[in-house]
Protein backbone atom coordinates (compact mmCIF):
# COMPACT_ATOMS: atom_id res chain seq x y z
CA MET A 1 0.04 -0.11 -0.02
CA ARG A 2 0.97 3.70 -0.36
CA VAL A 3 0.65 6.26 2.19
CA ASP A 4 0.14 9.60 1.19
CA CYS A 5 0.07 12.44 3.79
CA ASN A 6 -1.57 15.93 3.03
CA LYS A 7 -0.63 18.48 5.58
CA SER A 8 -1.98 21.66 3.62
CA GLY A 9 -4.96 21.68 5.92
CA GLY A 10 -2.78 23.16 8.83
CA ALA A 11 -4.30 21.64 12.09
CA VAL A 12 -5.96 18.84 9.72
CA TRP A 13 -3.51 16.29 8.27
CA ARG A 14 -4.94 13.39 5.87
CA ILE A 15 -3.63 10.30 5.58
CA ARG A 16 -4.70 8.41 2.55
CA LEU A 17 -4.18 4.73 1.91
CA SER A 18 -3.99 3.56 -1.66
CA PRO A 19 -2.96 0.43 -3.56
CA ASP A 20 0.30 0.08 -4.80
CA GLN A 21 -0.99 -1.43 -8.17
CA PRO A 22 -3.41 0.52 -10.18
CA ASP A 23 -6.33 -2.00 -10.07
CA GLY A 24 -5.31 -3.37 -6.58
CA ASP A 25 -6.66 -3.17 -3.26
CA VAL A 26 -5.22 -1.40 -0.30
CA VAL A 27 -3.44 -4.46 1.60
CA PHE A 28 -1.21 -3.49 4.80
CA SER A 29 2.23 -4.33 3.82
CA GLU A 30 5.58 -4.33 5.64
CA ARG A 31 6.53 -1.14 3.78
CA GLY A 32 3.18 0.51 3.78
CA PHE A 33 3.22 0.04 7.77
CA ASP A 34 6.69 1.59 7.85
CA ASP A 35 5.17 4.97 5.98
CA LEU A 36 2.21 4.93 8.14
CA ALA A 37 4.11 4.96 11.27
CA ALA A 38 6.45 7.59 9.91
CA ALA A 39 3.45 10.00 8.94
CA LEU A 40 1.83 9.00 12.31
CA ALA A 41 4.97 9.92 14.31
CA ALA A 42 5.09 13.17 12.15
CA ALA A 43 1.88 14.17 13.07
CA GLN A 44 2.43 13.46 16.95
CA ARG A 45 5.45 15.90 16.65
CA GLU A 46 3.99 18.58 14.83
CA THR A 47 2.03 20.93 17.47
CA SER A 48 -0.09 22.18 14.86
CA CYS A 49 -1.95 19.02 13.87
CA ARG A 50 -5.11 18.88 16.14
CA LEU A 51 -6.81 16.43 13.69
CA LEU A 52 -5.60 13.26 11.83
CA VAL A 53 -8.21 11.48 9.10
CA LEU A 54 -7.30 8.32 7.78
CA THR A 55 -9.07 7.44 4.52
CA GLY A 56 -8.88 4.51 2.10
CA THR A 57 -9.50 4.53 -1.59
CA LYS A 58 -12.15 2.99 -4.01
CA GLY A 59 -14.98 2.90 -1.29
CA THR A 60 -13.19 0.31 0.88
CA PHE A 61 -10.89 1.19 3.60
CA CYS A 62 -8.33 -1.72 3.18
CA ARG A 63 -8.32 -5.75 2.56
CA GLY A 64 -6.20 -6.33 5.63
CA MET A 65 -2.75 -7.80 6.12
CA ASP A 66 -0.75 -9.03 3.02
CA LEU A 67 -1.14 -12.78 3.59
CA GLU A 68 0.45 -13.54 0.35
CA ALA A 69 3.83 -11.82 1.65
CA LEU A 70 3.34 -13.56 5.09
CA VAL A 71 2.86 -17.18 3.24
CA ALA A 72 5.68 -16.44 0.96
CA ASP A 73 7.89 -15.62 4.00
CA PRO A 74 6.59 -16.86 7.20
CA GLU A 75 9.40 -16.72 9.36
CA HIS A 76 9.98 -12.98 8.80
CA HIS A 77 6.43 -11.96 8.70
CA ALA A 78 5.02 -14.06 11.44
CA HIS A 79 6.97 -12.09 13.60
CA LYS A 80 7.49 -8.34 12.22
CA GLY A 81 4.37 -8.34 10.32
CA THR A 82 1.75 -9.72 12.74
CA ALA A 83 3.56 -7.42 15.33
CA GLN A 84 2.97 -4.12 12.88
CA TYR A 85 -0.29 -5.18 12.14
């Protein structure tokens, strides 16, 4: 998933989760979690941010965890991926 943070609203920040692929669903990936954590940390540090709005795309917030990545590398994702989730 891609994480886009719009800070132009001043006190209101908008974080939009969007798919990596044009026709895909939003799926929580390791990189997406890292990007989301960075955006949340930036919002927490910024004293002008008073409200954070988290949205998805295409009428669906997200499909959930990236189970294909979990199955492909269970040793890695079973610990880090599930902890992030």
